[in-house]
Protein backbone atom coordinates (compact mmCIF):
# COMPACT_ATOMS: atom_id res chain seq x y z
CA MET A 1 -161.09 45.55 -79.91
CA ILE A 2 -160.27 49.24 -79.92
CA TYR A 3 -159.53 50.63 -83.38
CA PRO A 4 -157.18 53.50 -84.27
CA LYS A 5 -158.44 56.98 -85.07
CA LYS A 6 -155.42 58.48 -86.79
CA SER A 7 -155.33 62.25 -87.05
CA GLU A 8 -152.61 64.10 -88.93
CA ARG A 9 -153.62 67.33 -87.24
CA PHE A 10 -153.19 65.72 -83.84
CA GLU A 11 -149.79 64.31 -84.86
CA GLN A 12 -148.59 67.75 -85.93
CA LEU A 13 -149.42 69.04 -82.45
CA PHE A 14 -148.26 65.91 -80.67
CA HIS A 15 -144.81 65.66 -82.25
CA PRO A 16 -143.30 68.78 -80.56
CA PHE A 17 -144.59 67.50 -77.21
CA VAL A 18 -142.93 64.10 -77.71
CA ALA A 19 -139.66 65.71 -78.83
CA HIS A 20 -139.70 67.93 -75.73
CA GLN A 21 -140.30 64.98 -73.41
CA LEU A 22 -137.50 62.94 -74.97
CA LYS A 23 -135.08 65.87 -74.76
CA LYS A 24 -136.08 66.41 -71.15
CA HIS A 25 -135.65 62.81 -70.01
CA PHE A 26 -132.77 61.52 -72.18
CA TYR A 27 -129.26 62.86 -72.53
CA LYS A 28 -129.02 61.62 -76.11
CA ILE A 29 -130.78 59.17 -78.39
CA TYR A 30 -128.53 57.39 -80.87
CA LEU A 31 -129.32 55.54 -84.07
CA TYR A 32 -127.52 52.87 -86.06
CA GLU A 33 -128.96 51.67 -89.37
CA GLU A 34 -127.74 48.43 -90.88
CA ALA A 35 -129.62 49.20 -94.10
CA ASN A 36 -131.90 51.83 -95.60
CA ILE A 37 -135.59 51.09 -95.13
CA GLN A 38 -137.93 51.71 -98.07
CA GLN A 39 -140.69 54.15 -97.25
CA HIS A 40 -143.47 53.11 -99.57
CA ARG A 41 -143.98 49.42 -98.95
CA PRO A 42 -145.80 47.46 -96.22
CA THR A 43 -143.52 46.66 -93.31
CA ILE A 44 -143.79 44.92 -89.97
CA PHE A 45 -141.46 46.53 -87.44
CA ILE A 46 -140.70 44.13 -84.58
CA VAL A 47 -139.31 45.76 -81.44
CA ASN A 48 -138.13 44.53 -78.05
CA HIS A 49 -140.23 45.92 -75.20
CA SER A 50 -138.56 46.95 -71.94
CA SER A 51 -139.78 50.46 -71.15
CA TRP A 52 -142.84 52.69 -70.92
CA TRP A 53 -141.03 54.96 -73.40
CA ASP A 54 -141.09 52.40 -76.22
CA GLY A 55 -144.36 53.53 -77.79
CA LEU A 56 -143.37 57.19 -77.88
CA VAL A 57 -139.91 56.32 -79.23
CA CYS A 58 -141.51 54.27 -82.03
CA TYR A 59 -143.69 57.23 -82.89
CA TYR A 60 -140.77 59.68 -82.88
CA LEU A 61 -138.50 57.37 -84.88
CA ASN A 62 -141.15 56.88 -87.53
CA ARG A 63 -142.03 60.57 -87.65
CA VAL A 64 -138.47 61.86 -88.12
CA LYS A 65 -136.75 58.96 -89.86
CA LEU A 66 -138.79 56.10 -91.31
CA LYS A 67 -141.86 58.12 -92.38
CA HIS A 68 -144.19 55.15 -92.89
CA ASP A 69 -147.97 55.25 -92.76
CA SER A 70 -147.81 53.10 -89.68
CA TYR A 71 -149.97 51.64 -86.94
CA ALA A 72 -149.06 49.94 -83.69
CA MET A 73 -150.46 47.02 -81.76
CA MET A 74 -150.84 48.03 -78.11
CA SER A 75 -152.28 46.35 -75.02
CA GLU A 76 -155.97 46.99 -74.56
CA GLN A 77 -155.37 48.43 -71.09
CA GLY A 78 -152.68 50.73 -72.46
CA VAL A 79 -155.05 52.11 -75.11
CA LYS A 80 -157.73 52.62 -72.46
CA ASP A 81 -155.32 54.39 -70.11
CA PHE A 82 -153.76 56.56 -72.84
CA SER A 83 -156.47 56.94 -75.46
CA PHE A 84 -154.46 59.56 -77.37
CA PHE A 85 -152.41 56.68 -78.76
CA GLN A 86 -155.40 55.88 -81.00
CA LYS A 87 -154.83 59.20 -82.77
CA ILE A 88 -151.30 58.17 -83.72
CA GLY A 89 -152.32 54.74 -84.96
CA ALA A 90 -152.61 52.43 -81.95
CA PHE A 91 -155.06 49.52 -81.97
CA SER A 92 -155.64 47.17 -79.09
CA VAL A 93 -154.82 43.56 -78.33
CA ASN A 94 -156.01 41.66 -75.28
CA PRO A 95 -153.57 38.77 -74.62
CA SER A 96 -155.94 37.17 -72.11
CA SER A 97 -158.58 36.60 -74.80
CA PRO A 98 -157.64 34.32 -77.73
CA LYS A 99 -160.67 35.63 -79.62
CA HIS A 100 -159.50 39.22 -79.29
CA VAL A 101 -155.92 38.28 -80.18
CA ILE A 102 -157.08 36.76 -83.47
CA GLN A 103 -159.24 39.81 -84.14
CA SER A 104 -156.25 42.12 -83.62
CA LEU A 105 -153.97 39.98 -85.78
CA ARG A 106 -156.54 39.94 -88.58
CA TYR A 107 -156.71 43.72 -88.36
CA ALA A 108 -152.90 43.88 -88.60
CA LYS A 109 -153.10 41.65 -91.67
CA LYS A 110 -155.72 43.96 -93.18
CA LEU A 111 -153.46 46.99 -92.64
CA VAL A 112 -150.50 45.27 -94.30
CA ASN A 113 -152.65 44.27 -97.26
CA GLU A 114 -153.63 47.94 -97.56
CA GLN A 115 -149.92 48.82 -97.89
CA LYS A 116 -149.68 50.13 -94.32
CA SER A 117 -146.95 49.33 -91.83
CA VAL A 118 -147.44 47.84 -88.38
CA TRP A 119 -145.31 48.02 -85.24
CA ILE A 120 -145.48 44.99 -82.97
CA PHE A 121 -143.84 44.15 -79.64
CA PRO A 122 -143.67 40.35 -79.92
CA GLN A 123 -142.86 39.92 -76.21
CA GLY A 124 -146.42 41.06 -75.55
CA LYS A 125 -145.55 43.04 -72.42
CA GLU A 126 -142.72 45.02 -70.87
CA GLU A 127 -139.88 42.78 -69.75
CA HIS A 128 -136.52 43.59 -68.20
CA LEU A 129 -134.03 44.66 -70.84
CA GLU A 130 -131.62 41.85 -69.96
CA LYS A 131 -134.14 39.05 -69.67
CA ARG A 132 -133.36 36.10 -71.92
CA PRO A 133 -134.93 34.43 -73.74
CA LEU A 134 -137.11 37.22 -75.07
CA GLN A 135 -140.01 34.76 -75.46
CA PHE A 136 -141.81 36.03 -78.54
CA SER A 137 -145.44 35.20 -79.06
CA LYS A 138 -146.61 33.79 -82.40
CA GLY A 139 -148.59 36.86 -83.44
CA VAL A 140 -146.02 38.22 -85.89
CA SER A 141 -145.59 34.82 -87.53
CA TYR A 142 -149.37 34.65 -88.04
CA VAL A 143 -149.35 37.91 -90.00
CA ILE A 144 -146.25 36.95 -92.01
CA ASP A 145 -147.77 33.58 -92.84
CA GLU A 146 -151.05 35.17 -93.94
CA VAL A 147 -149.73 37.84 -96.32
CA GLU A 148 -147.77 37.41 -99.54
CA ASP A 149 -145.67 40.54 -99.64
CA VAL A 150 -144.36 42.26 -96.53
CA THR A 151 -140.98 43.33 -95.23
CA VAL A 152 -139.97 42.53 -91.66
CA VAL A 153 -137.55 44.93 -89.93
CA PRO A 154 -136.06 44.19 -86.50
CA ILE A 155 -135.60 47.28 -84.33
CA THR A 156 -133.96 47.19 -80.92
CA PHE A 157 -134.01 49.74 -78.10
CA TYR A 158 -131.18 49.60 -75.57
CA TYR A 159 -131.59 51.98 -72.62
CA THR A 160 -128.57 52.69 -70.45
CA PHE A 161 -126.85 55.11 -68.11
CA ARG A 162 -123.28 55.91 -69.10
CA HIS A 163 -121.35 59.06 -68.19
CA ASP A 164 -124.08 61.63 -67.78
CA GLN A 165 -126.89 62.61 -65.47
CA ARG A 166 -129.68 61.28 -67.66
CA PRO A 167 -130.00 57.93 -69.47
CA GLU A 168 -129.25 57.36 -73.14
CA LEU A 169 -131.04 55.26 -75.71
CA PHE A 170 -129.33 53.34 -78.50
CA ILE A 171 -131.60 52.35 -81.37
CA THR A 172 -130.59 49.83 -84.01
CA ILE A 173 -132.57 49.37 -87.21
CA GLY A 174 -131.66 45.94 -88.54
CA LYS A 175 -131.57 44.57 -92.05
CA PRO A 176 -135.00 44.10 -93.64
CA VAL A 177 -136.13 40.56 -94.36
CA HIS A 178 -138.80 39.78 -96.95
CA SER A 179 -141.64 37.47 -95.97
CA SER A 180 -140.67 35.07 -98.77
CA THR A 181 -137.64 34.14 -96.64
CA PHE A 182 -140.01 32.30 -94.30
CA LEU A 183 -142.07 30.66 -97.04
CA SER A 184 -141.35 27.04 -96.08
CA ASP A 185 -141.26 27.63 -92.31
CA SER A 186 -143.91 26.80 -89.75
CA ARG A 187 -145.18 29.59 -87.54
CA ASP A 188 -143.17 28.19 -84.64
CA LYS A 189 -140.04 28.30 -86.78
CA ILE A 190 -140.75 31.86 -87.95
CA THR A 191 -141.22 32.96 -84.33
CA GLN A 192 -137.95 31.30 -83.33
CA LYS A 193 -136.03 32.94 -86.18
CA LEU A 194 -137.43 36.39 -85.39
CA GLU A 195 -136.63 36.02 -81.69
CA THR A 196 -133.07 34.94 -82.49
CA MET A 197 -132.67 37.87 -84.90
CA VAL A 198 -133.79 40.47 -82.35
CA THR A 199 -131.82 38.86 -79.52
CA LYS A 200 -128.56 38.93 -81.48
CA GLN A 201 -129.16 42.54 -82.47
CA LEU A 202 -129.92 43.58 -78.91
CA ASP A 203 -126.92 41.74 -77.49
CA ALA A 204 -124.67 43.31 -80.13
CA SER A 205 -125.72 46.76 -78.92
CA ARG A 206 -124.92 45.79 -75.34
CA GLU A 207 -121.45 44.55 -76.30
CA LYS A 208 -120.70 47.75 -78.20
CA LEU A 209 -121.67 49.84 -75.18
CA ILE A 210 -119.66 47.76 -72.75
CA LYS A 211 -116.61 48.26 -74.97
CA GLU A 212 -117.45 51.96 -75.55
CA GLU A 213 -117.64 51.29 -79.29
CA VAL A 214 -120.33 53.78 -80.25
CA THR A 215 -118.84 55.39 -83.36
CA SER A 216 -121.24 53.46 -85.60
CA PHE A 217 -124.16 55.31 -83.97
CA SER A 218 -125.25 58.78 -85.03
CA ILE A 219 -127.18 61.19 -82.84
CA LEU A 220 -130.91 61.10 -83.58
CA LEU A 221 -131.85 63.51 -80.82
CA GLU A 222 -129.83 65.52 -78.31
CA GLY A 223 -131.39 66.31 -74.97
CA TYR A 224 -131.37 69.52 -73.02
CA LYS A 225 -128.24 70.41 -71.09
CA THR A 226 -127.75 68.62 -67.79
CA VAL A 227 -126.98 70.26 -64.44
CA SER A 228 -123.33 69.24 -64.75
CA GLU A 229 -123.11 70.84 -68.19
CA TRP A 230 -124.62 74.07 -66.90
CA LEU A 231 -122.15 74.08 -63.99
CA THR A 232 -119.23 73.49 -66.36
CA TRP A 233 -120.45 76.35 -68.54
CA TRP A 234 -120.80 78.63 -65.50
CA LYS A 235 -117.31 77.81 -64.22
CA ALA A 236 -115.81 78.54 -67.61
CA LYS A 237 -117.67 81.85 -67.76
CA VAL A 238 -116.50 82.91 -64.29
CA LYS A 239 -112.85 82.19 -65.12
CA ARG A 240 -112.89 84.55 -68.12
């Protein structure tokens, strides 16, 4: 297992780079919050996984909005390929090795017991945004079942092209659920409930976008001007 090597100094330097990349590649990033998330309590953030951008978006969202002392479970190969993720809290999991999976889950449990927060992609790998069912693994249910006091927050990322040159991202932070809610459930049942929760949240975002109902979302980040916007600006300037 590869452990995190968090560095606040690195994060201070890394954040402007991430913001620049997001502004460069996305037209806008939107956010909808169903409830306020407490900052100073252990939380498991469960997120659907459909894009290479997911890890950086999690980092940015936490840095500018949630502000948790958080860590993220990431594929072992991903940590090896992009070792800088260790400095922002990534630790590895190797799905092909049951021994390593248990080791990673026990480390996640340890972090939660230390009042840290953990980000987990329960699908285990990148899948197409529209694939159903999401097919969650049982890792999150293991951690929930093993700790007494943790909040679970579903977060969904919906990437889409709409009316502009670059794609947009719609983030929804769902209502927090306390681990006591799952007290009498088996791990299979917990996994099923979490998958249903995230699926409904993700599908709700899709329906809103299809119907152009985006007023509930606020702008989290606005990208740099597109070519079409620069051309519109130039035309307006010439006409003066």
